[in-house]
PDB file of N, CA and C in Angstrom:
ATOM      1  N   PRO A   1      19.396  81.838  74.730  1.00  0.00           N
ATOM      2  CA  PRO A   1      19.313  81.013  75.949  1.00  0.00           C
ATOM      3  C   PRO A   1      18.230  80.255  76.258  1.00  0.00           C
ATOM      4  N   PHE A   2      18.158  79.055  76.783  1.00  0.00           N
ATOM      5  CA  PHE A   2      16.966  78.405  77.134  1.00  0.00           C
ATOM      6  C   PHE A   2      17.258  77.363  78.268  1.00  0.00           C
ATOM      7  N   VAL A   3      16.068  76.949  78.825  1.00  0.00           N
ATOM      8  CA  VAL A   3      16.297  76.010  79.886  1.00  0.00           C
ATOM      9  C   VAL A   3      15.586  74.540  79.661  1.00  0.00           C
ATOM     10  N   ILE A   4      16.226  73.501  79.778  1.00  0.00           N
ATOM     11  CA  ILE A   4      15.588  72.353  79.590  1.00  0.00           C
ATOM     12  C   ILE A   4      15.470  71.628  80.919  1.00  0.00           C
ATOM     13  N   VAL A   5      14.151  71.123  81.183  1.00  0.00           N
ATOM     14  CA  VAL A   5      13.961  70.501  82.454  1.00  0.00           C
ATOM     15  C   VAL A   5      13.529  69.009  82.429  1.00  0.00           C
ATOM     16  N   CYS A   6      14.046  68.188  82.941  1.00  0.00           N
ATOM     17  CA  CYS A   6      13.855  66.873  82.936  1.00  0.00           C
ATOM     18  C   CYS A   6      13.493  66.346  84.468  1.00  0.00           C
ATOM     19  N   ASN A   7      12.427  65.610  84.510  1.00  0.00           N
ATOM     20  CA  ASN A   7      11.845  65.002  85.927  1.00  0.00           C
ATOM     21  C   ASN A   7      12.196  63.679  86.087  1.00  0.00           C
ATOM     22  N   HIS A   8      12.887  62.976  85.253  1.00  0.00           N
ATOM     23  CA  HIS A   8      13.344  61.670  85.526  1.00  0.00           C
ATOM     24  C   HIS A   8      12.320  60.822  86.175  1.00  0.00           C
ATOM     25  N   GLN A   9      11.478  60.554  85.242  1.00  0.00           N
ATOM     26  CA  GLN A   9      10.263  59.648  85.497  1.00  0.00           C
ATOM     27  C   GLN A   9      10.804  58.270  85.575  1.00  0.00           C
ATOM     28  N   ALA A  10      11.848  57.811  84.600  1.00  0.00           N
ATOM     29  CA  ALA A  10      12.532  56.559  84.625  1.00  0.00           C
ATOM     30  C   ALA A  10      14.031  56.659  84.259  1.00  0.00           C
ATOM     31  N   SER A  11      14.658  55.575  84.696  1.00  0.00           N
ATOM     32  CA  SER A  11      16.117  55.651  84.619  1.00  0.00           C
ATOM     33  C   SER A  11      16.562  55.723  83.182  1.00  0.00           C
ATOM     34  N   LEU A  12      15.848  55.670  82.159  1.00  0.00           N
ATOM     35  CA  LEU A  12      16.186  55.816  80.881  1.00  0.00           C
ATOM     36  C   LEU A  12      16.146  57.258  80.368  1.00  0.00           C
ATOM     37  N   ASP A  13      15.619  57.992  81.229  1.00  0.00           N
ATOM     38  CA  ASP A  13      15.588  59.693  80.934  1.00  0.00           C
ATOM     39  C   ASP A  13      17.028  60.140  80.690  1.00  0.00           C
ATOM     40  N   LEU A  14      17.850  59.659  81.306  1.00  0.00           N
ATOM     41  CA  LEU A  14      19.353  60.008  81.120  1.00  0.00           C
ATOM     42  C   LEU A  14      19.940  59.860  79.967  1.00  0.00           C
ATOM     43  N   MET A  15      19.554  58.591  79.305  1.00  0.00           N
ATOM     44  CA  MET A  15      20.009  58.283  77.872  1.00  0.00           C
ATOM     45  C   MET A  15      19.388  59.262  76.950  1.00  0.00           C
ATOM     46  N   GLY A  16      17.998  59.531  77.056  1.00  0.00           N
ATOM     47  CA  GLY A  16      17.340  60.372  76.176  1.00  0.00           C
ATOM     48  C   GLY A  16      17.794  61.824  76.344  1.00  0.00           C
ATOM     49  N   MET A  17      18.117  62.399  77.454  1.00  0.00           N
ATOM     50  CA  MET A  17      18.596  63.605  77.646  1.00  0.00           C
ATOM     51  C   MET A  17      19.863  63.901  76.788  1.00  0.00           C
ATOM     52  N   VAL A  18      20.746  62.782  76.965  1.00  0.00           N
ATOM     53  CA  VAL A  18      22.019  62.888  76.215  1.00  0.00           C
ATOM     54  C   VAL A  18      21.829  63.194  74.874  1.00  0.00           C
ATOM     55  N   GLU A  19      20.906  62.709  74.244  1.00  0.00           N
ATOM     56  CA  GLU A  19      20.585  62.865  72.743  1.00  0.00           C
ATOM     57  C   GLU A  19      20.043  64.306  72.416  1.00  0.00           C
ATOM     58  N   VAL A  20      19.426  64.947  73.271  1.00  0.00           N
ATOM     59  CA  VAL A  20      18.587  66.343  72.987  1.00  0.00           C
ATOM     60  C   VAL A  20      19.377  67.385  73.491  1.00  0.00           C
ATOM     61  N   ILE A  21      20.318  67.303  74.546  1.00  0.00           N
ATOM     62  CA  ILE A  21      20.982  68.333  75.132  1.00  0.00           C
ATOM     63  C   ILE A  21      21.950  68.965  74.132  1.00  0.00           C
ATOM     64  N   PRO A  22      21.867  70.158  73.815  1.00  0.00           N
ATOM     65  CA  PRO A  22      22.782  70.860  72.916  1.00  0.00           C
ATOM     66  C   PRO A  22      24.196  70.908  73.291  1.00  0.00           C
ATOM     67  N   GLU A  23      25.180  71.188  72.363  1.00  0.00           N
ATOM     68  CA  GLU A  23      26.549  71.522  72.715  1.00  0.00           C
ATOM     69  C   GLU A  23      26.539  72.647  73.532  1.00  0.00           C
ATOM     70  N   ARG A  24      27.614  72.783  74.266  1.00  0.00           N
ATOM     71  CA  ARG A  24      27.894  74.108  75.189  1.00  0.00           C
ATOM     72  C   ARG A  24      26.751  74.281  76.200  1.00  0.00           C
ATOM     73  N   CYS A  25      26.061  73.240  76.550  1.00  0.00           N
ATOM     74  CA  CYS A  25      25.233  73.224  77.613  1.00  0.00           C
ATOM     75  C   CYS A  25      25.716  73.114  79.084  1.00  0.00           C
ATOM     76  N   VAL A  26      25.175  73.825  79.935  1.00  0.00           N
ATOM     77  CA  VAL A  26      25.635  73.665  81.523  1.00  0.00           C
ATOM     78  C   VAL A  26      24.544  72.877  82.210  1.00  0.00           C
ATOM     79  N   PRO A  27      24.843  71.652  82.663  1.00  0.00           N
ATOM     80  CA  PRO A  27      23.947  70.937  83.309  1.00  0.00           C
ATOM     81  C   PRO A  27      24.033  71.292  84.916  1.00  0.00           C
ATOM     82  N   ILE A  28      22.744  71.297  85.403  1.00  0.00           N
ATOM     83  CA  ILE A  28      22.675  71.621  86.914  1.00  0.00           C
ATOM     84  C   ILE A  28      21.601  70.454  87.402  1.00  0.00           C
ATOM     85  N   ALA A  29      22.071  69.796  88.520  1.00  0.00           N
ATOM     86  CA  ALA A  29      21.307  68.771  89.084  1.00  0.00           C
ATOM     87  C   ALA A  29      21.266  68.876  90.757  1.00  0.00           C
ATOM     88  N   LYS A  30      20.191  68.282  91.252  1.00  0.00           N
ATOM     89  CA  LYS A  30      20.111  68.338  92.597  1.00  0.00           C
ATOM     90  C   LYS A  30      21.385  67.479  93.285  1.00  0.00           C
ATOM     91  N   ARG A  31      21.869  68.058  94.430  1.00  0.00           N
ATOM     92  CA  ARG A  31      22.973  67.463  95.147  1.00  0.00           C
ATOM     93  C   ARG A  31      22.772  65.881  95.536  1.00  0.00           C
ATOM     94  N   GLU A  32      21.499  65.420  95.670  1.00  0.00           N
ATOM     95  CA  GLU A  32      21.222  64.211  96.061  1.00  0.00           C
ATOM     96  C   GLU A  32      21.607  63.260  95.063  1.00  0.00           C
ATOM     97  N   LEU A  33      21.682  63.528  93.705  1.00  0.00           N
ATOM     98  CA  LEU A  33      21.935  62.613  92.656  1.00  0.00           C
ATOM     99  C   LEU A  33      23.498  62.216  92.745  1.00  0.00           C
ATOM    100  N   LEU A  34      24.220  63.122  93.495  1.00  0.00           N
ATOM    101  CA  LEU A  34      25.744  62.778  93.656  1.00  0.00           C
ATOM    102  C   LEU A  34      26.028  61.684  94.674  1.00  0.00           C
ATOM    103  N   TYR A  35      24.966  61.155  95.387  1.00  0.00           N
ATOM    104  CA  TYR A  35      25.260  59.899  96.330  1.00  0.00           C
ATOM    105  C   TYR A  35      24.533  58.646  95.691  1.00  0.00           C
ATOM    106  N   LEU A  36      24.326  58.686  94.333  1.00  0.00           N
ATOM    107  CA  LEU A  36      23.649  57.459  93.732  1.00  0.00           C
ATOM    108  C   LEU A  36      24.667  56.562  93.088  1.00  0.00           C
ATOM    109  N   GLY A  37      25.601  56.286  93.687  1.00  0.00           N
ATOM    110  CA  GLY A  37      26.713  55.252  93.314  1.00  0.00           C
ATOM    111  C   GLY A  37      27.400  55.882  92.087  1.00  0.00           C
ATOM    112  N   THR A  38      27.253  54.722  91.038  1.00  0.00           N
ATOM    113  CA  THR A  38      28.010  55.045  89.823  1.00  0.00           C
ATOM    114  C   THR A  38      27.331  56.162  88.962  1.00  0.00           C
ATOM    115  N   VAL A  39      26.069  56.205  89.193  1.00  0.00           N
ATOM    116  CA  VAL A  39      25.356  57.426  88.610  1.00  0.00           C
ATOM    117  C   VAL A  39      25.935  58.827  89.131  1.00  0.00           C
ATOM    118  N   GLY A  40      26.029  58.997  90.557  1.00  0.00           N
ATOM    119  CA  GLY A  40      26.711  60.129  90.989  1.00  0.00           C
ATOM    120  C   GLY A  40      27.970  60.315  90.402  1.00  0.00           C
ATOM    121  N   TRP A  41      28.818  59.189  90.561  1.00  0.00           N
ATOM    122  CA  TRP A  41      30.147  59.411  89.924  1.00  0.00           C
ATOM    123  C   TRP A  41      30.171  59.832  88.488  1.00  0.00           C
ATOM    124  N   ALA A  42      29.300  59.419  87.702  1.00  0.00           N
ATOM    125  CA  ALA A  42      29.287  59.665  86.229  1.00  0.00           C
ATOM    126  C   ALA A  42      28.791  61.249  86.087  1.00  0.00           C
ATOM    127  N   CYS A  43      28.059  61.574  86.846  1.00  0.00           N
ATOM    128  CA  CYS A  43      27.422  62.882  86.759  1.00  0.00           C
ATOM    129  C   CYS A  43      28.575  63.854  87.297  1.00  0.00           C
ATOM    130  N   TRP A  44      29.247  63.592  88.363  1.00  0.00           N
ATOM    131  CA  TRP A  44      30.593  64.341  88.821  1.00  0.00           C
ATOM    132  C   TRP A  44      31.631  64.540  87.992  1.00  0.00           C
ATOM    133  N   LEU A  45      31.895  63.410  87.185  1.00  0.00           N
ATOM    134  CA  LEU A  45      33.052  63.271  86.125  1.00  0.00           C
ATOM    135  C   LEU A  45      32.513  64.168  84.792  1.00  0.00           C
ATOM    136  N   SER A  46      31.239  64.128  84.554  1.00  0.00           N
ATOM    137  CA  SER A  46      30.758  64.822  83.431  1.00  0.00           C
ATOM    138  C   SER A  46      30.750  66.318  83.474  1.00  0.00           C
ATOM    139  N   GLY A  47      30.946  66.795  84.851  1.00  0.00           N
ATOM    140  CA  GLY A  47      31.032  68.214  84.885  1.00  0.00           C
ATOM    141  C   GLY A  47      29.585  68.775  85.404  1.00  0.00           C
ATOM    142  N   ILE A  48      28.604  68.060  85.804  1.00  0.00           N
ATOM    143  CA  ILE A  48      27.340  68.435  86.284  1.00  0.00           C
ATOM    144  C   ILE A  48      27.649  69.359  87.546  1.00  0.00           C
ATOM    145  N   ILE A  49      26.885  70.574  87.606  1.00  0.00           N
ATOM    146  CA  ILE A  49      26.917  71.400  88.867  1.00  0.00           C
ATOM    147  C   ILE A  49      25.827  71.051  89.676  1.00  0.00           C
ATOM    148  N   PHE A  50      26.318  70.652  91.029  1.00  0.00           N
ATOM    149  CA  PHE A  50      25.176  70.174  91.802  1.00  0.00           C
ATOM    150  C   PHE A  50      24.819  71.383  92.824  1.00  0.00           C
ATOM    151  N   ILE A  51      23.617  71.399  93.031  1.00  0.00           N
ATOM    152  CA  ILE A  51      22.931  72.198  93.756  1.00  0.00           C
ATOM    153  C   ILE A  51      22.102  71.546  95.149  1.00  0.00           C
ATOM    154  N   ASP A  52      22.489  72.142  96.492  1.00  0.00           N
ATOM    155  CA  ASP A  52      22.089  71.703  97.559  1.00  0.00           C
ATOM    156  C   ASP A  52      20.711  72.409  97.857  1.00  0.00           C
ATOM    157  N   ARG A  53      19.567  71.735  97.599  1.00  0.00           N
ATOM    158  CA  ARG A  53      18.192  72.355  97.654  1.00  0.00           C
ATOM    159  C   ARG A  53      17.884  72.717  99.219  1.00  0.00           C
ATOM    160  N   GLN A  54      18.498  71.953 100.123  1.00  0.00           N
ATOM    161  CA  GLN A  54      18.275  71.919 101.625  1.00  0.00           C
ATOM    162  C   GLN A  54      18.868  73.413 102.137  1.00  0.00           C
ATOM    163  N   ARG A  55      19.932  74.055 101.578  1.00  0.00           N
ATOM    164  CA  ARG A  55      20.503  75.079 101.799  1.00  0.00           C
ATOM    165  C   ARG A  55      20.186  76.280 100.758  1.00  0.00           C
ATOM    166  N   ARG A  56      19.169  76.948 100.922  1.00  0.00           N
ATOM    167  CA  ARG A  56      18.696  77.964 100.023  1.00  0.00           C
ATOM    168  C   ARG A  56      19.778  78.911  99.551  1.00  0.00           C
ATOM    169  N   ASP A  57      20.630  79.504 100.551  1.00  0.00           N
ATOM    170  CA  ASP A  57      21.671  80.502 100.268  1.00  0.00           C
ATOM    171  C   ASP A  57      22.688  79.898  99.572  1.00  0.00           C
ATOM    172  N   ALA A  58      23.084  78.765  99.757  1.00  0.00           N
ATOM    173  CA  ALA A  58      24.057  78.342  98.985  1.00  0.00           C
ATOM    174  C   ALA A  58      23.786  77.795  97.700  1.00  0.00           C
ATOM    175  N   ALA A  59      22.507  77.227  97.461  1.00  0.00           N
ATOM    176  CA  ALA A  59      22.055  77.019  96.204  1.00  0.00           C
ATOM    177  C   ALA A  59      21.907  78.370  95.263  1.00  0.00           C
ATOM    178  N   ILE A  60      21.498  79.463  95.712  1.00  0.00           N
ATOM    179  CA  ILE A  60      21.355  80.619  95.278  1.00  0.00           C
ATOM    180  C   ILE A  60      22.710  81.133  94.707  1.00  0.00           C
ATOM    181  N   GLU A  61      23.735  80.925  95.552  1.00  0.00           N
ATOM    182  CA  GLU A  61      24.946  81.358  95.375  1.00  0.00           C
ATOM    183  C   GLU A  61      25.783  80.481  94.136  1.00  0.00           C
ATOM    184  N   VAL A  62      25.510  79.228  94.198  1.00  0.00           N
ATOM    185  CA  VAL A  62      26.021  78.419  93.050  1.00  0.00           C
ATOM    186  C   VAL A  62      25.324  78.826  91.658  1.00  0.00           C
ATOM    187  N   ILE A  63      24.148  79.035  91.561  1.00  0.00           N
ATOM    188  CA  ILE A  63      23.292  79.435  90.496  1.00  0.00           C
ATOM    189  C   ILE A  63      23.869  80.674  89.987  1.00  0.00           C
ATOM    190  N   SER A  64      24.107  81.592  90.960  1.00  0.00           N
ATOM    191  CA  SER A  64      24.615  83.073  90.590  1.00  0.00           C
ATOM    192  C   SER A  64      25.978  82.957  89.989  1.00  0.00           C
ATOM    193  N   ARG A  65      26.884  82.194  90.692  1.00  0.00           N
ATOM    194  CA  ARG A  65      28.234  81.885  89.906  1.00  0.00           C
ATOM    195  C   ARG A  65      28.140  81.293  88.619  1.00  0.00           C
ATOM    196  N   THR A  66      27.331  80.292  88.623  1.00  0.00           N
ATOM    197  CA  THR A  66      27.181  79.441  87.355  1.00  0.00           C
ATOM    198  C   THR A  66      26.704  80.353  86.203  1.00  0.00           C
ATOM    199  N   ALA A  67      25.607  81.374  86.449  1.00  0.00           N
ATOM    200  CA  ALA A  67      25.267  82.228  85.521  1.00  0.00           C
ATOM    201  C   ALA A  67      26.156  83.229  85.042  1.00  0.00           C
ATOM    202  N   SER A  68      27.072  83.720  85.975  1.00  0.00           N
ATOM    203  CA  SER A  68      28.048  84.558  85.640  1.00  0.00           C
ATOM    204  C   SER A  68      29.150  84.027  84.827  1.00  0.00           C
ATOM    205  N   ALA A  69      29.445  82.904  85.037  1.00  0.00           N
ATOM    206  CA  ALA A  69      30.469  82.115  84.241  1.00  0.00           C
ATOM    207  C   ALA A  69      29.918  81.775  82.772  1.00  0.00           C
ATOM    208  N   MET A  70      28.589  81.490  82.783  1.00  0.00           N
ATOM    209  CA  MET A  70      27.991  81.326  81.424  1.00  0.00           C
ATOM    210  C   MET A  70      27.977  82.532  80.566  1.00  0.00           C
ATOM    211  N   ARG A  71      27.749  83.775  81.021  1.00  0.00           N
ATOM    212  CA  ARG A  71      27.705  84.769  80.272  1.00  0.00           C
ATOM    213  C   ARG A  71      29.098  85.280  79.997  1.00  0.00           C
ATOM    214  N   ARG A  72      30.051  84.960  80.882  1.00  0.00           N
ATOM    215  CA  ARG A  72      31.567  85.250  80.646  1.00  0.00           C
ATOM    216  C   ARG A  72      32.112  84.282  79.407  1.00  0.00           C
ATOM    217  N   GLU A  73      31.530  82.994  79.451  1.00  0.00           N
ATOM    218  CA  GLU A  73      32.097  82.063  78.387  1.00  0.00           C
ATOM    219  C   GLU A  73      31.105  81.972  77.254  1.00  0.00           C
ATOM    220  N   ASN A  74      30.048  82.740  77.273  1.00  0.00           N
ATOM    221  CA  ASN A  74      29.061  82.584  76.114  1.00  0.00           C
ATOM    222  C   ASN A  74      28.534  81.134  75.928  1.00  0.00           C
ATOM    223  N   VAL A  75      27.859  80.666  77.020  1.00  0.00           N
ATOM    224  CA  VAL A  75      27.532  79.290  76.977  1.00  0.00           C
ATOM    225  C   VAL A  75      26.000  79.246  77.233  1.00  0.00           C
ATOM    226  N   ARG A  76      25.248  78.185  77.047  1.00  0.00           N
ATOM    227  CA  ARG A  76      23.868  78.031  77.389  1.00  0.00           C
ATOM    228  C   ARG A  76      23.616  77.442  78.762  1.00  0.00           C
TER     229      ARG A  76
END
C-alpha cells in the first residue's frame, strides 16, 4: 500500500494525476472540491470519496470506513 499526495498547484494537476494513479486506487479529496461546478460533478461521478475537513469526527469516520473497505476488497 502507498499514498499519493497532490497539492493542486495548477488546474493541469488533475490531468497529470490521471496518468500516474495506479489501477485499483481509492481517491480521497476535500469536500470543498465537490462544489467546483463541473469539476465537482466529475469528481463525484468518478467515485472520489470526499472528506469534510471542518468536521473532524465525520472525517475520521469516513477514512475509517474507507480503510476497512480497502482491506476487505484488497485495493490500494
